[in-house]
Amino acid sequence: MQHKKEEYFNRISEYIESYWHRYGVSPTTRAIADGTDLSNSTVSRYLQYMRDKGMIDYRGHRCLRTRRQIADAAGRTSVPLLGAVACGVPKLAEENIEEYVDLPVSLFGRGSFYLLRADGESMIGAGIGPGDLVLVRAQDTAEPGQIVVALMDTEATLKRYYPEPEKKRIRLHPENDSMEDIYVSDCEIQGVAVKVIKDLH
């Protein structure tokens, strides 16, 4: 589907979930169209695309569920895996998501999360090595000392966050004694790292 709109995916998914919560069944295509202010043909095209891409599960009449609903029912949460952090963090849009990873809620909790693949050795002192998956809670603020995904212009980096307002700058600290701190006048926080998933050697 060309020129697909992320807003439409979100609008349709959210309506399906709210309808299920209210009525205990999934909505019809017409109900989705009415509830999202989209045309019936647009909803039909998007539902077909979402089914083909595994974004929703369709098992017959009035049995339509989003990935989040399926994961929640199984006590799991579905988290998008984006690219390597050293290559920049793309927006949380469907076309930038490599895959979804189901994580047990009992271990990782619930919230708005995404996964990044660590690249480089700047955070090895914090136990984050190349190839590790870093679970990031999506948020735009952080406390001093937290490990954040910081966007500087178009480059994203994973570092400890130390604001220095008296010097009108932010210090981004690598957990590697061979590397220097990074100083920026401003950066955009895209999330706070909360867990690391790694292979044992």
Protein backbone atom coordinates (compact mmCIF):
# COMPACT_ATOMS: atom_id res chain seq x y z
CA MET A 1 0.00 0.00 0.00
CA GLN A 2 1.55 3.25 -1.10
CA HIS A 3 1.35 6.42 0.95
CA LYS A 4 0.00 4.60 3.99
CA LYS A 5 -0.58 6.86 6.96
CA GLU A 6 0.65 5.88 10.41
CA GLU A 7 -2.22 7.90 11.87
CA TYR A 8 -4.72 5.58 10.19
CA PHE A 9 -3.06 2.45 11.62
CA ASN A 10 -3.23 3.96 15.10
CA ARG A 11 -6.77 5.22 14.69
CA ILE A 12 -8.07 1.85 13.49
CA SER A 13 -6.19 -0.16 16.14
CA GLU A 14 -7.34 2.10 18.97
CA TYR A 15 -10.95 1.91 17.81
CA ILE A 16 -10.86 -1.91 17.61
CA GLU A 17 -9.47 -2.07 21.15
CA SER A 18 -11.97 0.41 22.60
CA TYR A 19 -14.87 -1.36 20.85
CA TRP A 20 -13.76 -4.73 22.25
CA HIS A 21 -13.51 -3.23 25.72
CA ARG A 22 -17.00 -1.80 25.52
CA TYR A 23 -18.93 -4.57 23.71
CA GLY A 24 -16.83 -7.73 24.05
CA VAL A 25 -16.68 -8.30 20.27
CA SER A 26 -14.73 -6.72 17.46
CA PRO A 27 -16.37 -4.03 15.32
CA THR A 28 -17.52 -4.47 11.74
CA THR A 29 -15.74 -2.65 8.94
CA ARG A 30 -18.65 -0.21 8.77
CA ALA A 31 -18.45 0.45 12.52
CA ILE A 32 -14.73 1.11 12.26
CA ALA A 33 -15.34 3.51 9.37
CA ASP A 34 -18.01 5.37 11.33
CA GLY A 35 -15.92 5.46 14.49
CA THR A 36 -12.72 6.68 12.85
CA ASP A 37 -14.19 9.10 10.27
CA LEU A 38 -12.58 7.11 7.46
CA SER A 39 -14.31 5.79 4.39
CA ASN A 40 -15.44 2.17 4.29
CA SER A 41 -13.08 1.46 1.37
CA THR A 42 -10.13 3.03 3.19
CA VAL A 43 -10.79 0.93 6.30
CA SER A 44 -11.09 -2.22 4.17
CA ARG A 45 -7.75 -1.54 2.45
CA TYR A 46 -5.98 -0.81 5.72
CA LEU A 47 -7.45 -3.86 7.46
CA GLN A 48 -6.25 -6.07 4.62
CA TYR A 49 -2.77 -4.55 4.78
CA MET A 50 -2.69 -4.88 8.58
CA ARG A 51 -3.73 -8.54 8.36
CA ASP A 52 -1.08 -9.26 5.73
CA LYS A 53 1.61 -7.61 7.87
CA GLY A 54 0.55 -9.37 11.08
CA MET A 55 -0.52 -6.13 12.74
CA ILE A 56 -3.95 -7.58 13.50
CA ASP A 57 -5.37 -11.08 13.79
CA TYR A 58 -8.54 -11.92 11.88
CA ARG A 59 -10.32 -15.19 12.59
CA GLY A 60 -13.70 -14.76 11.00
CA HIS A 61 -16.75 -12.59 11.52
CA ARG A 62 -16.54 -10.27 14.55
CA CYS A 63 -13.22 -11.75 15.68
CA LEU A 64 -10.66 -9.09 14.91
CA ARG A 65 -7.91 -8.35 17.41
CA THR A 66 -4.87 -6.13 17.49
CA ARG A 67 -1.42 -7.40 18.39
CA ARG A 68 -1.67 -5.60 21.74
CA GLN A 69 -4.90 -7.38 22.61
CA ILE A 70 -3.42 -10.79 21.78
CA ALA A 71 -0.28 -10.09 23.80
CA ASP A 72 -2.26 -8.75 26.77
CA ALA A 73 -4.48 -11.82 26.76
CA ALA A 74 -1.42 -14.02 27.02
CA GLY A 75 0.19 -11.95 29.77
CA ARG A 76 2.71 -10.58 27.31
CA THR A 77 3.40 -7.17 25.82
CA SER A 78 4.38 -6.64 22.20
CA VAL A 79 7.33 -4.25 21.80
CA PRO A 80 8.63 -2.83 18.48
CA LEU A 81 12.29 -3.44 17.64
CA LEU A 82 13.90 -0.48 15.90
CA GLY A 83 17.39 -0.20 14.43
CA ALA A 84 20.81 0.12 16.02
CA VAL A 85 21.13 3.12 18.32
CA ALA A 86 24.36 4.37 16.74
CA CYS A 87 22.57 4.64 13.39
CA GLY A 88 19.95 7.01 14.73
CA VAL A 89 16.57 6.24 16.15
CA PRO A 90 13.78 6.27 13.60
CA LYS A 91 10.33 7.42 14.53
CA LEU A 92 7.96 4.81 15.88
CA ALA A 93 6.33 4.34 12.49
CA GLU A 94 5.37 0.95 11.10
CA GLU A 95 7.80 1.17 8.18
CA ASN A 96 10.73 1.68 10.58
CA ILE A 97 9.97 -1.31 12.77
CA GLU A 98 12.08 -4.40 12.05
CA GLU A 99 9.78 -6.71 13.99
CA TYR A 100 7.76 -7.01 17.18
CA VAL A 101 9.08 -8.87 20.20
CA ASP A 102 6.69 -10.33 22.78
CA LEU A 103 7.97 -9.88 26.33
CA PRO A 104 6.40 -11.28 29.52
CA VAL A 105 4.62 -8.60 31.50
CA SER A 106 5.66 -10.32 34.75
CA LEU A 107 9.32 -9.52 34.01
CA PHE A 108 9.16 -6.31 32.00
CA GLY A 109 5.94 -4.65 33.14
CA ARG A 110 3.59 -2.59 31.02
CA GLY A 111 4.15 0.76 29.38
CA SER A 112 5.14 2.43 26.15
CA PHE A 113 8.39 0.64 25.27
CA TYR A 114 10.60 0.00 22.29
CA LEU A 115 13.77 -2.03 21.75
CA LEU A 116 17.06 -0.84 20.26
CA ARG A 117 20.03 -2.93 19.22
CA ALA A 118 23.18 -1.53 20.85
CA ASP A 119 26.08 -0.73 18.55
CA GLY A 120 29.58 0.06 19.79
CA GLU A 121 31.22 -0.16 23.20
CA SER A 122 30.46 3.22 24.74
CA MET A 123 28.23 1.70 27.45
CA ILE A 124 30.07 -1.53 28.29
CA GLY A 125 30.64 -0.31 31.85
CA ALA A 126 26.86 -0.35 32.32
CA GLY A 127 26.64 -3.89 30.99
CA ILE A 128 25.48 -2.89 27.51
CA GLY A 129 27.58 -4.44 24.75
CA PRO A 130 27.40 -4.57 20.95
CA GLY A 131 24.35 -6.49 19.76
CA ASP A 132 22.51 -6.33 23.08
CA LEU A 133 18.85 -5.36 22.99
CA VAL A 134 18.06 -2.34 25.15
CA LEU A 135 14.50 -1.94 26.38
CA VAL A 136 13.63 1.75 26.36
CA ARG A 137 10.63 3.41 28.00
CA ALA A 138 9.44 6.08 25.58
CA GLN A 139 9.42 9.45 27.36
CA ASP A 140 10.78 12.94 26.79
CA THR A 141 12.18 13.65 30.27
CA ALA A 142 14.79 11.98 32.45
CA GLU A 143 16.41 12.21 35.86
CA PRO A 144 20.14 12.98 36.21
CA GLY A 145 22.19 9.81 35.94
CA GLN A 146 19.65 7.81 33.97
CA ILE A 147 20.72 6.14 30.73
CA VAL A 148 18.82 7.84 27.92
CA VAL A 149 18.40 7.76 24.19
CA ALA A 150 19.43 11.31 23.30
CA LEU A 151 18.86 12.76 19.86
CA MET A 152 21.33 15.46 18.81
CA ASP A 153 20.35 16.95 15.46
CA THR A 154 19.93 13.73 13.45
CA GLU A 155 22.25 11.49 15.49
CA ALA A 156 21.04 9.41 18.40
CA THR A 157 23.19 8.05 21.18
CA LEU A 158 22.76 5.97 24.32
CA LYS A 159 24.48 7.69 27.26
CA ARG A 160 24.04 8.68 30.91
CA TYR A 161 22.26 12.01 31.19
CA TYR A 162 23.65 14.81 33.34
CA PRO A 163 22.10 18.26 32.84
CA GLU A 164 24.36 21.15 33.87
CA PRO A 165 22.04 24.18 33.85
CA GLU A 166 24.57 26.45 35.53
CA LYS A 167 26.82 25.93 32.50
CA LYS A 168 23.88 25.92 30.07
CA ARG A 169 24.79 22.52 28.73
CA ILE A 170 24.07 18.81 29.01
CA ARG A 171 26.75 16.22 29.68
CA LEU A 172 26.24 12.83 28.03
CA HIS A 173 28.50 10.35 29.77
CA PRO A 174 29.71 7.09 28.16
CA GLU A 175 30.30 4.15 30.48
CA ASN A 176 33.72 3.48 29.01
CA ASP A 177 36.90 4.91 30.56
CA SER A 178 38.54 5.26 27.14
CA MET A 179 35.86 7.63 25.87
CA GLU A 180 35.23 11.31 26.56
CA ASP A 181 32.03 12.92 27.75
CA ILE A 182 29.88 14.59 25.12
CA TYR A 183 28.70 18.15 25.82
CA VAL A 184 25.71 19.61 24.01
CA SER A 185 23.69 22.77 24.52
CA ASP A 186 20.48 20.83 23.97
CA CYS A 187 19.21 17.39 23.02
CA GLU A 188 15.91 15.62 22.64
CA ILE A 189 15.32 12.73 25.03
CA GLN A 190 13.54 9.90 23.26
CA GLY A 191 13.41 7.45 26.12
CA VAL A 192 15.05 6.01 29.22
CA ALA A 193 16.77 2.60 29.16
CA VAL A 194 15.28 0.25 31.73
CA LYS A 195 16.57 -3.25 30.90
CA VAL A 196 19.10 -5.07 28.73
CA ILE A 197 18.49 -8.38 26.96
CA LYS A 198 21.69 -10.16 26.01
CA ASP A 199 23.16 -13.52 25.09
CA LEU A 200 25.49 -15.16 27.58
CA HIS A 201 28.83 -16.38 26.27
